[in-house]
Structure formats: structure tokens, C-alpha cells
């Protein structure tokens, strides 16, 4: 997938930094084509550097990052075990007026870490980018241009009342809650997909690459 494709879903002018966790990160082209400061949470610096990307700063307890990188990249060490490296990095970007962020690497690693990363992400006003997935926190009326059969899922944060147009399984003043009911593995049926969050907030996950499941083959982007 081309990194420029993410522009179809995210207005990067609204964000001030890229915060990388030690999980699955987008390909190197994504970072090279976006002129934003890159903050690495501990071991994420290893993956970035191996892909030819040098983060602006490393944040965390530094138990995972390679020691040679600490000789060439600025870092802020925090041993406070009451907070995860993700939370420490969020505190740093807030203190440096680098919020909101594009957050990468939420997925990957141990299941409990993934769940906790999502839990922390939902408290921010940031966007989420995984390799092939974009996550957006939605309020109000939103319109997306998607190819037919684009796969997407919608969750309440923690709850919302939502209606939609242009989906295979449309929502009509539906209540979504987390935990509880969600619109899981839905598909775009029209090019213009409208998601109207009438109350509360919703988390939208869009698959940016072709996904085949349940006998449905999708191509996510209108190029």
C-alpha cells in the first residue's frame, strides 16, 4: 500500500506529531512522506531505525530500545511503573504541544498490551494508523469516499447513537456500546459513505487494503 493512500482518510494538517508504539508499524514510506516529528515509545525506536527512520526522541523506561540508539537519538527516561510507555509518550507530546498525534503500533505483541493500548487511545483525540487500518474517533456527521466492499467496523466510545448511509448493513439510530453492540465487519455499498454520530462518540476502523472474508472480496480505495 502506498503511504499517500492514507491521505484519503486522514487530514494530516490537523495533527502535530507521529507517536509510535512497539507494535506493528506502517511501512517506511508512510513516515518518509509526512513532515511531522516522530516520537518513539521505547522499543519502537528499534523498528523505526531498522527501516531507515530516525525518531526525533525516544520516551519510556528504555528497557527495550537498543543501547547504541541512545548514543545518537535524544531520549527522556522515566522509570515510573504506574504508567505505560504509551502514557509516558502521550505526556511528552502534550508537554511539547504536539497533540493530537497520529498513533502507530497499537496492534501487535501480547493481547493484554493491545487491549490496554486501545483503552488509552480512546481517551485521546488522536488518529490510529496500523499497517492497512486507519482508526478515527468520530462525532457529528462524517462523509467518506470508499470503494465498494471496503471493510469497516464501528464501535461506541463507550456508547453512541448512530445512523449511516452507503453501508451493506446500514444503521438507523442504532445504539453502539463498548462493551456491547458494535457494527463489526460492515462493508461499503456506495462510494459516498455517511456516518452520522447523533450522540456520543464512535471509533471507526477502516481497512485500507483489500480484505476477503465471509465470501466477500473488497478493494478499499477509490484511486
Protein backbone atom coordinates (compact mmCIF):
# COMPACT_ATOMS: atom_id res chain seq x y z
CA UNK A 1 0.00 0.00 0.00
CA UNK A 2 1.23 3.50 -0.84
CA UNK A 3 1.63 5.82 2.16
CA UNK A 4 -0.11 8.58 0.21
CA UNK A 5 -3.29 6.49 0.29
CA UNK A 6 -3.73 7.32 3.97
CA UNK A 7 -4.49 10.90 2.91
CA UNK A 8 -7.86 9.65 1.71
CA UNK A 9 -8.86 9.08 5.33
CA UNK A 10 -6.74 11.41 7.46
CA UNK A 11 -6.24 15.16 7.20
CA UNK A 12 -2.64 15.24 8.38
CA UNK A 13 -2.77 19.05 8.72
CA UNK A 14 -4.82 18.51 11.90
CA UNK A 15 -2.06 16.55 13.62
CA UNK A 16 1.23 17.69 15.12
CA UNK A 17 3.24 14.51 15.60
CA UNK A 18 3.51 10.77 14.97
CA UNK A 19 3.69 8.62 18.09
CA UNK A 20 4.99 5.09 17.53
CA UNK A 21 4.44 2.19 19.92
CA UNK A 22 6.36 -1.07 19.94
CA UNK A 23 3.82 -2.93 17.79
CA UNK A 24 3.05 -3.35 14.10
CA UNK A 25 4.15 -0.17 12.32
CA UNK A 26 3.33 1.10 8.81
CA UNK A 27 5.90 0.72 6.07
CA UNK A 28 8.82 3.17 5.90
CA UNK A 29 7.24 5.18 3.05
CA UNK A 30 4.49 6.32 5.39
CA UNK A 31 6.95 8.16 7.62
CA UNK A 32 9.15 9.48 4.83
CA UNK A 33 6.26 11.27 3.14
CA UNK A 34 4.91 13.02 6.25
CA UNK A 35 6.72 16.01 7.69
CA UNK A 36 5.84 15.57 11.36
CA UNK A 37 8.01 14.95 14.45
CA UNK A 38 8.28 11.23 15.26
CA UNK A 39 8.17 10.14 18.91
CA UNK A 40 9.15 6.55 19.68
CA UNK A 41 7.88 4.78 22.78
CA UNK A 42 10.87 2.73 23.91
CA UNK A 43 11.39 -0.33 21.64
CA UNK A 44 9.56 1.26 18.70
CA UNK A 45 12.82 3.09 18.03
CA UNK A 46 14.47 -0.21 17.07
CA UNK A 47 11.93 -0.95 14.33
CA UNK A 48 11.95 2.61 13.01
CA UNK A 49 15.74 2.80 12.84
CA UNK A 50 15.99 -0.57 11.09
CA UNK A 51 13.62 0.83 8.44
CA UNK A 52 15.77 3.90 7.91
CA UNK A 53 13.64 6.21 10.08
CA UNK A 54 15.30 8.12 12.92
CA UNK A 55 12.78 9.32 15.53
CA UNK A 56 13.14 12.79 16.98
CA UNK A 57 13.05 11.46 20.55
CA UNK A 58 12.62 8.20 22.49
CA UNK A 59 10.37 8.09 25.57
CA UNK A 60 9.96 5.38 28.23
CA UNK A 61 11.81 3.26 30.75
CA UNK A 62 14.22 2.32 27.92
CA UNK A 63 14.34 -1.38 28.77
CA UNK A 64 13.67 -2.43 25.16
CA UNK A 65 15.47 0.12 22.99
CA UNK A 66 18.97 -0.80 21.77
CA UNK A 67 21.67 0.98 23.73
CA UNK A 68 23.51 2.10 20.60
CA UNK A 69 20.46 4.16 19.58
CA UNK A 70 20.59 6.07 22.86
CA UNK A 71 24.01 7.35 21.77
CA UNK A 72 22.60 9.07 18.68
CA UNK A 73 18.92 9.83 19.42
CA UNK A 74 17.66 12.18 22.17
CA UNK A 75 15.66 10.40 24.86
CA UNK A 76 13.63 11.01 28.00
CA UNK A 77 13.88 8.22 30.56
CA UNK A 78 11.04 7.58 33.00
CA UNK A 79 11.05 4.65 35.43
CA UNK A 80 7.57 5.34 36.83
CA UNK A 81 5.90 1.92 36.64
CA UNK A 82 2.45 3.37 37.34
CA UNK A 83 2.32 4.43 33.69
CA UNK A 84 2.98 2.54 30.46
CA UNK A 85 5.46 3.80 27.86
CA UNK A 86 2.43 4.79 25.76
CA UNK A 87 1.13 7.02 28.56
CA UNK A 88 4.59 8.47 29.14
CA UNK A 89 4.89 9.30 25.44
CA UNK A 90 1.44 10.91 25.45
CA UNK A 91 2.51 13.02 28.41
CA UNK A 92 5.58 14.12 26.49
CA UNK A 93 3.71 15.14 23.33
CA UNK A 94 1.22 17.05 25.48
CA UNK A 95 4.01 18.90 27.29
CA UNK A 96 5.62 19.80 23.95
CA UNK A 97 2.32 20.96 22.36
CA UNK A 98 2.50 18.11 19.84
CA UNK A 99 -1.10 16.93 20.29
CA UNK A 100 -3.09 15.49 18.66
CA UNK A 101 -0.92 12.72 17.26
CA UNK A 102 -1.07 10.02 14.63
CA UNK A 103 -0.60 6.90 16.75
CA UNK A 104 1.04 3.84 15.19
CA UNK A 105 1.84 0.42 16.60
CA UNK A 106 -1.22 -0.08 18.82
CA UNK A 107 -1.58 -3.59 17.40
CA UNK A 108 0.99 -6.35 17.92
CA UNK A 109 2.50 -8.18 20.85
CA UNK A 110 0.65 -9.52 23.88
CA UNK A 111 -3.15 -9.37 23.93
CA UNK A 112 -3.27 -7.52 27.26
CA UNK A 113 -0.96 -4.84 25.84
CA UNK A 114 -3.15 -4.43 22.76
CA UNK A 115 -6.30 -4.04 24.86
CA UNK A 116 -4.58 -1.52 27.13
CA UNK A 117 -3.24 0.42 24.13
CA UNK A 118 -6.75 0.71 22.69
CA UNK A 119 -8.08 1.73 26.09
CA UNK A 120 -5.53 4.55 26.28
CA UNK A 121 -6.07 5.58 22.65
CA UNK A 122 -9.80 6.05 23.23
CA UNK A 123 -9.03 8.78 25.77
CA UNK A 124 -7.16 10.85 23.17
CA UNK A 125 -8.24 12.98 20.21
CA UNK A 126 -5.69 11.28 18.01
CA UNK A 127 -5.92 9.06 14.92
CA UNK A 128 -4.73 5.49 14.71
CA UNK A 129 -2.71 4.05 11.82
CA UNK A 130 -1.87 0.38 11.61
CA UNK A 131 -0.41 -1.34 8.54
CA UNK A 132 -3.60 -1.46 6.49
CA UNK A 133 -6.02 0.04 9.02
CA UNK A 134 -6.99 3.60 9.91
CA UNK A 135 -8.82 4.38 13.15
CA UNK A 136 -10.73 7.63 13.65
CA UNK A 137 -12.73 8.98 16.58
CA UNK A 138 -15.97 10.38 15.17
CA UNK A 139 -18.53 12.92 16.30
CA UNK A 140 -21.29 14.55 14.25
CA UNK A 141 -21.81 13.96 10.53
CA UNK A 142 -18.95 12.40 8.52
CA UNK A 143 -18.62 11.54 4.82
CA UNK A 144 -16.03 9.13 3.40
CA UNK A 145 -15.31 8.17 -0.22
CA UNK A 146 -14.74 4.43 -0.30
CA UNK A 147 -14.63 1.75 -2.95
CA UNK A 148 -17.36 -0.85 -2.96
CA UNK A 149 -16.86 -3.60 -0.37
CA UNK A 150 -14.39 -1.62 1.72
CA UNK A 151 -14.37 -3.34 5.11
CA UNK A 152 -15.01 -1.23 8.21
CA UNK A 153 -16.16 -1.58 11.81
CA UNK A 154 -17.77 0.92 14.19
CA UNK A 155 -17.72 0.87 18.00
CA UNK A 156 -19.25 3.14 20.63
CA UNK A 157 -16.79 5.12 22.78
CA UNK A 158 -18.17 3.95 25.17
CA UNK A 159 -21.59 4.48 23.57
CA UNK A 160 -23.22 6.40 20.75
CA UNK A 161 -26.41 6.75 18.73
CA UNK A 162 -25.55 6.43 15.06
CA UNK A 163 -27.10 6.29 11.58
CA UNK A 164 -25.43 5.55 8.26
CA UNK A 165 -25.91 5.61 4.52
CA UNK A 166 -23.96 3.67 1.92
CA UNK A 167 -23.18 0.57 4.01
CA UNK A 168 -24.16 -3.01 3.27
CA UNK A 169 -25.75 -3.16 6.72
CA UNK A 170 -26.91 0.39 7.46
CA UNK A 171 -27.53 1.71 10.94
CA UNK A 172 -30.69 3.65 11.81
CA UNK A 173 -30.49 5.47 15.15
CA UNK A 174 -28.65 2.42 16.43
CA UNK A 175 -27.07 2.35 19.86
CA UNK A 176 -23.49 1.05 19.85
CA UNK A 177 -21.70 0.40 23.12
CA UNK A 178 -18.33 -0.89 24.22
CA UNK A 179 -18.62 -3.41 25.68
CA UNK A 180 -21.87 -4.37 23.94
CA UNK A 181 -23.19 -3.96 20.43
CA UNK A 182 -20.90 -3.00 17.55
CA UNK A 183 -21.12 -2.78 13.76
CA UNK A 184 -18.44 -5.37 13.04
CA UNK A 185 -17.06 -6.22 9.58
CA UNK A 186 -19.50 -3.99 7.74
CA UNK A 187 -18.91 -3.11 4.07
CA UNK A 188 -19.30 -0.04 1.88
CA UNK A 189 -22.01 -0.43 -0.77
CA UNK A 190 -21.76 3.11 -2.20
CA UNK A 191 -18.83 5.40 -2.97
CA UNK A 192 -20.07 8.05 -0.51
CA UNK A 193 -20.47 6.57 2.95
CA UNK A 194 -22.18 8.79 5.53
CA UNK A 195 -21.71 8.07 9.23
CA UNK A 196 -23.81 10.37 11.41
CA UNK A 197 -22.98 10.18 15.11
CA UNK A 198 -26.05 11.77 16.66
CA UNK A 199 -24.99 11.31 20.27
CA UNK A 200 -21.71 10.39 21.91
CA UNK A 201 -18.55 9.30 20.13
CA UNK A 202 -17.68 6.41 17.83
CA UNK A 203 -14.48 4.64 16.84
CA UNK A 204 -14.32 3.89 13.11
CA UNK A 205 -11.82 1.34 11.80
CA UNK A 206 -11.33 1.35 8.01
CA UNK A 207 -9.35 -1.35 6.22
CA UNK A 208 -7.28 0.43 3.58
CA UNK A 209 -6.33 -2.72 1.68
CA UNK A 210 -8.32 -5.49 0.01
CA UNK A 211 -9.80 -7.85 2.60
CA UNK A 212 -11.53 -11.12 1.80
CA UNK A 213 -13.73 -12.71 4.44
CA UNK A 214 -17.19 -14.27 4.65
CA UNK A 215 -17.05 -14.75 0.90
CA UNK A 216 -16.73 -11.01 0.24
CA UNK A 217 -13.74 -9.56 -1.56
CA UNK A 218 -13.16 -5.84 -1.09
CA UNK A 219 -10.92 -3.16 -2.58
CA UNK A 220 -10.81 -0.30 -0.14
CA UNK A 221 -9.62 2.75 -2.03
CA UNK A 222 -11.01 4.84 -4.85
CA UNK A 223 -7.87 5.66 -6.84
